[in-house]
Amino acid sequence: MQELIMIKYGELTTKKANRKIFINTLTQNVKTILENENVEITKDQVRMFIKCDNAKQIAFKLQKVFGILSIVIAYKVNNTIKDVLDKSLEIMDKNQKTFKVVTKRSDKNYPIHSMDYSKQLGGLILKNSKFKVDVHNPDIILTVEIRTEGTFIYTDELKGAGGYPVGVAGKGLLMLSGGIDSPVAGYLTLKRGVDVECLYFESPPHTSLEAKNKVIKLASIINEYSGKIKVHVVPFTLIQEAIFKNCPDTYMITIMRRMMYRIAELYAGKIGAKILINGESIGQVASQTLDSMVCINNVTNMPVIRPVACFDKLEIIDIAKKIGTYDTSILPYEDCCTIFVPKHPVIKPTLEKCIKYENNFDYHTLINQAVNNIETITNFKEDEFEELL
């Protein structure tokens, strides 16, 4: 009678012919998250099983793996009513008073139907304990899954992250800043199965080392939901200074964003990313009005995914708090999106003026230099940059 973790698949169970690919990807992601744990993983078309020593700790880790509907710590016994009864009485919390039995019979050759089995087991528990039955609002829901290889029993079920396993939808490049919105956008994109890498624009000495480490920490928090995130750091100083010297202040943010999109598209091609991702929310700032988005988006032919585009700020903050990025995002270190900000940035830029001002300097050379000097950070941990912030 062995304790083990049982994983129930989420949305991927609707994928029919592609189900095997989704389950294999999920299995690999689970192995990545648990690479430092002593575990044995097996799977089939409806369940994944993990044998381990510290089941509770591992179950909490698995709550951040996309593609999982729920996680239970189950006990496997032989398919006899006596073994099931004995284990049920052992694991049911004696501090509780009422219970209900739910039976799921995937082994259709088992001679007792699910409803009859629940009645029979419930009756035996009543005779052999002080528990009472309450089918409407029980203290304990005892779930029994009868399978060909044995019967699995559990009383508690942890909610999983849902969504698709990261990687089944291809790769995307997240334009990650130190703000609240872009980490949330990254999280939501991971949930749809996209393998995310991050692009951060730094502008020393105008931006600080603390600002960079803040972004790396944000990436490391998101990495808990993926296990394979990279941060690509773009040297953006020369471009930003050229914009400051050669463009009207009202257009500086618009042109800066156009340069960022150009760099992101070039680098996405280098790493095999199919989409760009950012944290833009319609109307939140001057560069995120519809007119601004049209002008900025004009420089790229890649699809741009904006997961929080229609969220208000409070909704975004709620998600940031839920995933653990909020406290880091509000640290007071400026990134290149918040320096050189004019008092009155244009909210209805025109494409003609953008092109006119950009032609005041050789941005093509500057962009190529920036792309060729990108620094890539990998294999970081969430606490590595704690002392630097």
Protein backbone atom coordinates (compact mmCIF):
# COMPACT_ATOMS: atom_id res chain seq x y z
CA MET A 1 0.00 0.00 0.00
CA GLN A 2 2.02 2.88 -1.34
CA GLU A 3 1.53 6.66 -1.22
CA LEU A 4 2.02 8.36 -4.57
CA ILE A 5 1.03 11.45 -6.51
CA MET A 6 -1.64 11.12 -9.18
CA ILE A 7 -1.98 13.85 -11.81
CA LYS A 8 -5.20 14.47 -13.69
CA TYR A 9 -4.75 16.06 -17.09
CA GLY A 10 -6.52 19.29 -17.93
CA GLU A 11 -7.56 20.82 -21.25
CA LEU A 12 -5.18 18.56 -23.19
CA THR A 13 -7.59 15.62 -22.82
CA THR A 14 -9.72 17.19 -25.58
CA LYS A 15 -6.94 16.91 -28.15
CA LYS A 16 -7.80 13.42 -29.53
CA ALA A 17 -5.15 12.57 -32.16
CA ASN A 18 -2.61 15.00 -30.66
CA ARG A 19 -3.18 13.82 -27.12
CA LYS A 20 0.01 11.74 -27.03
CA ILE A 21 2.13 14.77 -27.99
CA PHE A 22 0.53 16.87 -25.25
CA ILE A 23 0.99 14.18 -22.60
CA ASN A 24 4.62 13.56 -23.58
CA THR A 25 5.33 17.30 -23.41
CA LEU A 26 3.66 17.53 -20.01
CA THR A 27 5.73 14.58 -18.79
CA GLN A 28 8.95 16.26 -19.89
CA ASN A 29 7.93 19.51 -18.19
CA VAL A 30 7.19 17.64 -14.95
CA LYS A 31 10.62 16.01 -15.16
CA THR A 32 12.22 19.44 -15.65
CA ILE A 33 10.45 20.92 -12.61
CA LEU A 34 11.37 17.86 -10.52
CA GLU A 35 14.88 17.35 -11.88
CA ASN A 36 16.42 17.62 -8.39
CA GLU A 37 13.91 15.24 -6.81
CA ASN A 38 14.12 11.47 -6.47
CA VAL A 39 10.98 10.44 -8.36
CA GLU A 40 9.70 7.69 -10.64
CA ILE A 41 7.18 8.84 -13.26
CA THR A 42 4.75 6.69 -15.25
CA LYS A 43 1.81 7.80 -17.41
CA ASP A 44 -1.09 6.68 -19.53
CA GLN A 45 -3.81 8.42 -21.55
CA VAL A 46 -5.77 9.66 -18.53
CA ARG A 47 -3.39 9.83 -15.56
CA MET A 48 0.24 10.39 -14.57
CA PHE A 49 1.72 8.75 -11.48
CA ILE A 50 4.75 9.87 -9.48
CA LYS A 51 6.36 7.68 -6.84
CA CYS A 52 8.31 9.81 -4.38
CA ASP A 53 9.27 10.25 -0.74
CA ASN A 54 8.08 13.80 -0.05
CA ALA A 55 4.69 13.77 -1.75
CA LYS A 56 3.27 16.96 -0.19
CA GLN A 57 6.27 19.10 -1.16
CA ILE A 58 6.27 17.78 -4.72
CA ALA A 59 2.50 18.20 -5.06
CA PHE A 60 2.84 21.93 -4.29
CA LYS A 61 5.62 22.25 -6.90
CA LEU A 62 3.40 20.62 -9.50
CA GLN A 63 0.69 23.25 -8.96
CA LYS A 64 2.77 25.56 -11.16
CA VAL A 65 2.99 23.15 -14.10
CA PHE A 66 0.62 24.07 -16.91
CA GLY A 67 -1.45 21.26 -18.41
CA ILE A 68 -2.43 19.78 -15.04
CA LEU A 69 -6.08 19.88 -13.96
CA SER A 70 -5.54 18.61 -10.42
CA ILE A 71 -3.09 16.77 -8.19
CA VAL A 72 -3.88 14.22 -5.50
CA ILE A 73 -1.84 12.26 -3.00
CA ALA A 74 -3.31 8.80 -3.49
CA TYR A 75 -2.84 5.36 -1.97
CA LYS A 76 -2.73 2.29 -4.17
CA VAL A 77 -4.21 -0.96 -2.87
CA ASN A 78 -5.40 -4.25 -4.33
CA ASN A 79 -8.85 -4.38 -5.94
CA THR A 80 -10.54 -5.99 -2.94
CA ILE A 81 -13.20 -4.31 -0.85
CA LYS A 82 -11.33 -5.25 2.35
CA ASP A 83 -8.08 -3.57 1.28
CA VAL A 84 -10.00 -0.49 0.15
CA LEU A 85 -11.94 -0.34 3.43
CA ASP A 86 -8.85 -0.73 5.60
CA LYS A 87 -6.94 2.01 3.77
CA SER A 88 -9.97 4.30 3.69
CA LEU A 89 -10.39 4.09 7.46
CA GLU A 90 -6.66 4.76 7.87
CA ILE A 91 -6.50 7.94 5.77
CA MET A 92 -9.83 9.54 6.72
CA ASP A 93 -9.32 12.45 9.10
CA LYS A 94 -10.60 11.38 12.52
CA ASN A 95 -11.30 15.01 13.42
CA GLN A 96 -14.03 15.14 10.78
CA LYS A 97 -17.57 13.79 11.27
CA THR A 98 -19.23 13.22 7.90
CA PHE A 99 -18.22 11.63 4.61
CA LYS A 100 -19.29 10.73 1.12
CA VAL A 101 -17.87 8.05 -1.19
CA VAL A 102 -17.32 8.80 -4.90
CA THR A 103 -16.34 5.81 -7.04
CA LYS A 104 -14.82 5.99 -10.53
CA ARG A 105 -14.59 2.65 -12.28
CA SER A 106 -12.25 2.86 -15.28
CA ASP A 107 -11.89 -0.95 -15.21
CA LYS A 108 -15.26 -1.81 -16.75
CA ASN A 109 -14.64 -5.52 -16.14
CA TYR A 110 -14.82 -4.96 -12.40
CA PRO A 111 -18.03 -6.75 -11.31
CA ILE A 112 -19.51 -3.97 -9.10
CA HIS A 113 -20.82 -0.79 -10.71
CA SER A 114 -19.70 2.59 -9.36
CA MET A 115 -22.91 3.57 -7.55
CA ASP A 116 -23.26 0.14 -5.97
CA TYR A 117 -19.62 0.17 -4.93
CA SER A 118 -20.01 3.56 -3.25
CA LYS A 119 -23.05 2.29 -1.32
CA GLN A 120 -21.29 -0.90 -0.31
CA LEU A 121 -18.08 0.82 0.82
CA GLY A 122 -20.03 3.59 2.58
CA GLY A 123 -22.03 1.01 4.51
CA LEU A 124 -18.87 -0.76 5.65
CA ILE A 125 -17.32 2.54 6.80
CA LEU A 126 -20.48 3.29 8.81
CA LYS A 127 -20.28 -0.10 10.53
CA ASN A 128 -16.58 0.19 11.30
CA SER A 129 -16.25 3.83 12.39
CA LYS A 130 -18.01 6.79 14.01
CA PHE A 131 -18.35 8.67 10.71
CA LYS A 132 -21.79 9.65 9.40
CA VAL A 133 -22.89 9.94 5.78
CA ASP A 134 -23.66 13.36 4.28
CA VAL A 135 -24.03 13.28 0.50
CA HIS A 136 -24.76 17.02 0.20
CA ASN A 137 -22.10 18.75 2.32
CA PRO A 138 -19.64 16.15 3.67
CA ASP A 139 -16.52 16.96 5.68
CA ILE A 140 -14.64 14.30 3.69
CA ILE A 141 -15.07 13.23 0.08
CA LEU A 142 -13.48 9.78 -0.21
CA THR A 143 -12.68 9.15 -3.88
CA VAL A 144 -12.03 5.61 -5.09
CA GLU A 145 -10.68 4.99 -8.61
CA ILE A 146 -10.82 1.36 -9.66
CA ARG A 147 -8.29 0.54 -12.39
CA THR A 148 -6.96 -2.72 -13.77
CA GLU A 149 -3.60 -2.32 -12.01
CA GLY A 150 -5.16 -1.53 -8.63
CA THR A 151 -7.46 0.82 -6.73
CA PHE A 152 -6.42 4.37 -5.89
CA ILE A 153 -7.88 6.13 -2.86
CA TYR A 154 -7.65 9.80 -1.86
CA THR A 155 -9.46 12.46 0.14
CA ASP A 156 -7.86 15.76 -0.92
CA GLU A 157 -7.41 17.28 -4.37
CA LEU A 158 -5.16 20.25 -5.18
CA LYS A 159 -6.16 22.47 -8.08
CA GLY A 160 -3.61 22.52 -10.91
CA ALA A 161 -2.58 25.43 -13.13
CA GLY A 162 -4.68 24.23 -16.09
CA GLY A 163 -3.92 25.36 -19.63
CA TYR A 164 -1.61 23.56 -22.07
CA PRO A 165 1.84 22.09 -21.38
CA VAL A 166 4.53 24.68 -22.12
CA GLY A 167 6.09 24.01 -25.51
CA VAL A 168 3.20 22.45 -27.44
CA ALA A 169 2.41 25.75 -29.18
CA GLY A 170 5.96 26.72 -30.22
CA LYS A 171 8.18 29.53 -28.98
CA GLY A 172 7.49 33.21 -28.31
CA LEU A 173 9.70 36.16 -27.36
CA LEU A 174 8.44 38.23 -24.42
CA MET A 175 9.43 41.90 -24.28
CA LEU A 176 10.00 41.91 -20.52
CA SER A 177 10.32 45.12 -18.52
CA GLY A 178 10.49 45.71 -14.80
CA GLY A 179 6.82 46.71 -14.59
CA ILE A 180 3.72 44.87 -13.49
CA ASP A 181 2.19 44.06 -16.86
CA SER A 182 4.79 42.18 -18.91
CA PRO A 183 5.49 39.40 -16.34
CA VAL A 184 1.74 38.77 -16.20
CA ALA A 185 1.65 38.65 -20.01
CA GLY A 186 4.45 36.07 -19.92
CA TYR A 187 2.59 33.95 -17.39
CA LEU A 188 -0.64 33.99 -19.42
CA THR A 189 1.25 33.07 -22.60
CA LEU A 190 2.97 30.15 -20.89
CA LYS A 191 -0.47 28.93 -19.85
CA ARG A 192 -1.44 28.56 -23.51
CA GLY A 193 1.49 26.24 -24.14
CA VAL A 194 3.95 28.76 -25.60
CA ASP A 195 7.63 28.27 -24.72
CA VAL A 196 8.67 31.78 -23.65
CA GLU A 197 12.06 33.47 -23.79
CA CYS A 198 12.53 37.05 -22.58
CA LEU A 199 14.04 40.16 -24.16
CA TYR A 200 15.07 42.98 -21.83
CA PHE A 201 16.32 46.39 -22.98
CA GLU A 202 18.93 47.97 -20.69
CA SER A 203 20.41 51.44 -21.06
CA PRO A 204 23.37 51.93 -18.73
CA PRO A 205 24.34 54.30 -17.20
CA HIS A 206 20.79 55.67 -17.45
CA THR A 207 19.45 52.40 -16.02
CA SER A 208 21.04 50.69 -13.02
CA LEU A 209 22.32 47.21 -12.27
CA GLU A 210 19.45 46.94 -9.78
CA ALA A 211 16.96 47.50 -12.61
CA LYS A 212 18.53 44.66 -14.59
CA ASN A 213 18.59 42.33 -11.60
CA LYS A 214 14.97 43.20 -10.89
CA VAL A 215 13.99 41.98 -14.36
CA ILE A 216 16.09 38.84 -13.99
CA LYS A 217 14.33 38.10 -10.71
CA LEU A 218 10.94 38.59 -12.38
CA ALA A 219 12.01 36.13 -15.07
CA SER A 220 13.12 33.66 -12.42
CA ILE A 221 9.68 33.84 -10.77
CA ILE A 222 7.96 33.18 -14.11
CA ASN A 223 10.46 30.38 -14.65
CA GLU A 224 8.80 28.44 -11.84
CA TYR A 225 5.94 27.89 -14.29
CA SER A 226 8.26 26.80 -17.11
CA GLY A 227 11.70 25.68 -15.95
CA LYS A 228 13.51 26.75 -19.12
CA ILE A 229 13.22 30.53 -19.49
CA LYS A 230 16.14 32.57 -20.83
CA VAL A 231 16.67 36.33 -20.55
CA HIS A 232 18.30 38.08 -23.50
CA VAL A 233 19.63 41.51 -22.50
CA VAL A 234 19.79 44.15 -25.26
CA PRO A 235 22.33 47.03 -24.97
CA PHE A 236 19.99 49.89 -25.81
CA THR A 237 21.95 52.95 -24.65
CA LEU A 238 23.21 54.22 -28.03
CA ILE A 239 19.80 53.89 -29.63
CA GLN A 240 18.05 55.66 -26.79
CA GLU A 241 20.56 58.49 -26.78
CA ALA A 242 20.24 58.86 -30.56
CA ILE A 243 16.47 59.16 -30.22
CA PHE A 244 16.88 61.76 -27.46
CA LYS A 245 19.25 63.86 -29.63
CA ASN A 246 17.47 63.57 -32.97
CA CYS A 247 13.72 63.33 -32.34
CA PRO A 248 11.13 65.67 -30.79
CA ASP A 249 10.45 64.76 -27.18
CA THR A 250 6.76 64.12 -27.89
CA TYR A 251 7.71 61.29 -30.26
CA MET A 252 10.56 59.77 -28.26
CA ILE A 253 8.52 56.97 -26.66
CA THR A 254 6.79 56.05 -29.91
CA ILE A 255 10.08 55.83 -31.82
CA MET A 256 11.77 54.00 -28.96
CA ARG A 257 9.05 51.34 -29.07
CA ARG A 258 9.42 51.04 -32.84
CA MET A 259 13.15 50.38 -32.36
CA MET A 260 12.39 47.76 -29.73
CA TYR A 261 9.99 45.98 -32.06
CA ARG A 262 12.58 45.94 -34.84
CA ILE A 263 15.17 44.42 -32.51
CA ALA A 264 12.67 41.92 -31.12
CA GLU A 265 11.71 40.75 -34.61
CA LEU A 266 15.35 40.29 -35.63
CA TYR A 267 16.22 38.37 -32.50
CA ALA A 268 13.05 36.28 -32.62
CA GLY A 269 14.24 35.03 -35.98
CA LYS A 270 17.57 34.01 -34.46
CA ILE A 271 16.00 31.91 -31.71
CA GLY A 272 13.12 30.47 -33.71
CA ALA A 273 10.32 32.39 -31.98
CA LYS A 274 7.05 32.58 -33.89
CA ILE A 275 5.44 35.48 -32.04
CA LEU A 276 6.30 38.59 -30.02
CA ILE A 277 4.63 39.04 -26.63
CA ASN A 278 4.28 42.15 -24.50
CA GLY A 279 2.31 43.62 -21.62
CA GLU A 280 0.56 46.41 -23.50
CA SER A 281 -2.91 47.29 -22.19
CA ILE A 282 -5.12 49.45 -24.39
CA GLY A 283 -5.05 53.10 -23.35
CA GLN A 284 -2.97 52.58 -20.22
CA VAL A 285 -0.17 54.92 -21.35
CA ALA A 286 0.47 57.14 -24.37
CA SER A 287 2.27 54.41 -26.34
CA GLN A 288 -0.69 52.08 -25.87
CA THR A 289 -3.46 54.09 -27.49
CA LEU A 290 -4.81 52.47 -30.64
CA ASP A 291 -3.15 55.14 -32.81
CA SER A 292 0.18 54.53 -31.09
CA MET A 293 -0.14 50.76 -31.45
CA VAL A 294 -0.76 51.13 -35.19
CA CYS A 295 2.37 53.27 -35.65
CA ILE A 296 4.55 51.08 -33.46
CA ASN A 297 3.32 47.77 -34.85
CA ASN A 298 3.99 48.98 -38.40
CA VAL A 299 7.68 48.03 -38.18
CA THR A 300 7.10 44.29 -37.74
CA ASN A 301 5.37 41.56 -39.70
CA MET A 302 5.42 39.13 -36.80
CA PRO A 303 2.22 38.42 -34.84
CA VAL A 304 2.24 40.42 -31.60
CA ILE A 305 0.36 38.82 -28.71
CA ARG A 306 -0.91 41.17 -25.99
CA PRO A 307 -2.46 38.92 -23.31
CA VAL A 308 -3.46 41.80 -21.00
CA ALA A 309 -4.62 44.19 -23.72
CA CYS A 310 -8.22 44.26 -22.46
CA PHE A 311 -7.52 43.96 -18.73
CA ASP A 312 -7.72 46.96 -16.45
CA LYS A 313 -4.83 47.69 -14.09
CA LEU A 314 -6.49 46.20 -11.03
CA GLU A 315 -7.12 42.93 -12.86
CA ILE A 316 -3.47 42.78 -13.90
CA ILE A 317 -2.33 43.55 -10.36
CA ASP A 318 -4.51 40.72 -9.01
CA ILE A 319 -2.80 38.22 -11.32
CA ALA A 320 0.65 39.64 -10.49
CA LYS A 321 -0.02 39.07 -6.80
CA LYS A 322 -1.31 35.58 -7.47
CA ILE A 323 1.80 34.50 -9.40
CA GLY A 324 4.25 36.24 -7.07
CA THR A 325 5.67 38.97 -9.32
CA TYR A 326 3.93 42.03 -7.87
CA ASP A 327 6.28 42.78 -4.96
CA THR A 328 9.29 42.68 -7.27
CA SER A 329 7.60 44.71 -10.02
CA ILE A 330 6.94 47.65 -7.69
CA LEU A 331 10.57 47.97 -6.58
CA PRO A 332 11.72 51.54 -7.42
CA TYR A 333 14.32 50.85 -10.13
CA GLU A 334 13.76 52.58 -13.47
CA ASP A 335 14.11 50.71 -16.74
CA CYS A 336 14.59 52.29 -20.17
CA CYS A 337 10.83 52.65 -20.65
CA THR A 338 10.62 55.13 -17.78
CA ILE A 339 13.67 57.32 -18.44
CA PHE A 340 13.61 60.26 -20.88
CA VAL A 341 9.82 60.30 -20.61
CA PRO A 342 8.42 63.62 -21.95
CA LYS A 343 5.79 65.57 -20.09
CA HIS A 344 3.34 65.32 -22.97
CA PRO A 345 4.01 62.28 -25.19
CA VAL A 346 1.99 62.13 -28.38
CA ILE A 347 -1.12 59.95 -28.12
CA LYS A 348 -2.06 60.12 -31.82
CA PRO A 349 1.25 59.75 -33.67
CA THR A 350 1.36 59.53 -37.44
CA LEU A 351 3.44 57.07 -39.42
CA GLU A 352 4.76 59.86 -41.68
CA LYS A 353 6.25 61.78 -38.76
CA CYS A 354 7.75 58.63 -37.22
CA ILE A 355 9.57 57.85 -40.48
CA LYS A 356 10.69 61.47 -40.85
CA TYR A 357 12.22 61.63 -37.37
CA GLU A 358 13.83 58.19 -37.61
CA ASN A 359 15.64 59.27 -40.78
CA ASN A 360 17.52 61.83 -38.70
CA PHE A 361 19.96 59.12 -37.57
CA ASP A 362 21.39 55.78 -38.76
CA TYR A 363 19.23 53.47 -36.69
CA HIS A 364 19.89 50.44 -38.93
CA THR A 365 23.54 50.28 -37.86
CA LEU A 366 22.66 50.86 -34.22
CA ILE A 367 20.04 48.10 -34.27
CA ASN A 368 22.44 45.59 -35.82
CA GLN A 369 25.08 46.45 -33.22
CA ALA A 370 22.57 45.95 -30.43
CA VAL A 371 21.39 42.58 -31.76
CA ASN A 372 24.97 41.36 -32.21
CA ASN A 373 25.85 42.25 -28.61
CA ILE A 374 22.89 40.71 -26.79
CA GLU A 375 23.80 38.96 -23.54
CA THR A 376 21.90 35.77 -22.66
CA ILE A 377 21.27 34.73 -19.05
CA THR A 378 20.24 31.14 -18.25
CA ASN A 379 20.13 28.74 -15.35
CA PHE A 380 19.23 31.36 -12.77
CA LYS A 381 17.33 30.72 -9.59
CA GLU A 382 14.66 32.91 -8.00
CA ASP A 383 16.85 33.87 -5.01
CA GLU A 384 20.17 34.49 -6.81
CA PHE A 385 19.58 38.24 -7.18
CA GLU A 386 17.92 38.86 -3.81
CA GLU A 387 21.00 40.54 -2.33
CA LEU A 388 21.46 42.83 -5.35
CA LEU A 389 18.03 44.46 -5.09
